[in-house]
């Protein structure tokens, strides 16, 4: 049976990327990932959790086969 681990997120924090004032760097993400791999193993499945008590409170990270995992705010703008 696969292990599923929850990644806490805070969604709906702003209407534009520049409205988000938290700083969570790629380095900090890598550090957390390495720690999670040590604890749960590299085959653990990540499930996003937004802490919602009602409604759909869980989601997933998009598979890179279906789109870019990371992109800049400018890349996501519609012209």
Protein backbone atom coordinates (compact mmCIF):
# COMPACT_ATOMS: atom_id res chain seq x y z
CA UNK A 1 0.00 0.00 0.00
CA UNK A 2 1.38 3.40 -0.94
CA UNK A 3 2.03 6.06 1.66
CA UNK A 4 0.17 9.34 1.16
CA UNK A 5 1.54 12.41 2.88
CA UNK A 6 -0.19 15.78 3.16
CA UNK A 7 1.49 19.01 2.05
CA UNK A 8 -0.14 21.95 3.81
CA UNK A 9 -0.95 24.87 1.52
CA UNK A 10 -2.67 28.20 1.89
CA UNK A 11 -4.82 28.85 -1.16
CA UNK A 12 -6.95 31.83 -2.17
CA UNK A 13 -4.44 34.26 -0.64
CA UNK A 14 -4.53 36.91 -3.34
CA UNK A 15 -5.82 37.94 -6.73
CA UNK A 16 -2.30 38.36 -8.17
CA UNK A 17 1.10 36.78 -7.37
CA UNK A 18 2.47 40.05 -6.00
CA UNK A 19 -0.20 40.07 -3.28
CA UNK A 20 1.42 37.06 -1.59
CA UNK A 21 3.89 38.26 1.03
CA UNK A 22 5.27 34.96 2.31
CA UNK A 23 8.74 33.85 1.32
CA UNK A 24 9.16 30.15 0.76
CA UNK A 25 12.18 29.53 -1.44
CA UNK A 26 13.03 26.60 -3.68
CA UNK A 27 15.91 25.87 -1.30
CA UNK A 28 13.52 25.65 1.65
CA UNK A 29 11.24 23.41 -0.43
CA UNK A 30 14.17 21.12 -1.30
CA UNK A 31 15.16 20.93 2.37
CA UNK A 32 11.60 19.93 3.30
CA UNK A 33 11.43 17.38 0.48
CA UNK A 34 14.70 15.77 1.57
CA UNK A 35 13.43 15.51 5.13
CA UNK A 36 10.11 14.01 3.94
CA UNK A 37 11.98 11.47 1.79
CA UNK A 38 14.06 10.42 4.81
CA UNK A 39 10.90 10.07 6.91
CA UNK A 40 8.40 8.59 4.45
CA UNK A 41 10.50 7.28 1.53
CA UNK A 42 10.84 8.57 -2.01
CA UNK A 43 7.77 6.68 -3.25
CA UNK A 44 5.36 8.47 -0.89
CA UNK A 45 2.54 10.23 -2.77
CA UNK A 46 2.04 13.95 -2.07
CA UNK A 47 -1.52 15.16 -1.49
CA UNK A 48 -2.16 18.89 -1.06
CA UNK A 49 -4.22 19.93 1.95
CA UNK A 50 -5.68 23.42 2.31
CA UNK A 51 -7.08 22.78 5.79
CA UNK A 52 -10.69 23.30 4.71
CA UNK A 53 -13.11 21.72 7.13
CA UNK A 54 -15.98 21.70 4.63
CA UNK A 55 -15.93 21.05 0.91
CA UNK A 56 -13.03 19.74 -1.13
CA UNK A 57 -9.98 20.24 1.04
CA UNK A 58 -7.48 18.15 -0.92
CA UNK A 59 -5.76 18.39 -4.27
CA UNK A 60 -2.67 17.33 -6.16
CA UNK A 61 0.43 18.75 -7.79
CA UNK A 62 0.10 18.75 -11.57
CA UNK A 63 2.00 15.95 -13.29
CA UNK A 64 4.82 17.52 -15.36
CA UNK A 65 3.63 15.37 -18.28
CA UNK A 66 0.50 17.56 -18.46
CA UNK A 67 2.10 20.98 -18.09
CA UNK A 68 4.96 22.89 -16.53
CA UNK A 69 5.47 22.28 -12.83
CA UNK A 70 6.95 25.78 -12.37
CA UNK A 71 6.58 28.96 -14.39
CA UNK A 72 6.83 32.69 -13.78
CA UNK A 73 3.86 34.95 -13.10
CA UNK A 74 4.55 36.67 -16.42
CA UNK A 75 4.31 33.32 -18.25
CA UNK A 76 0.82 32.80 -16.82
CA UNK A 77 -0.56 36.16 -17.92
CA UNK A 78 -3.07 36.29 -20.77
CA UNK A 79 -2.26 38.86 -23.46
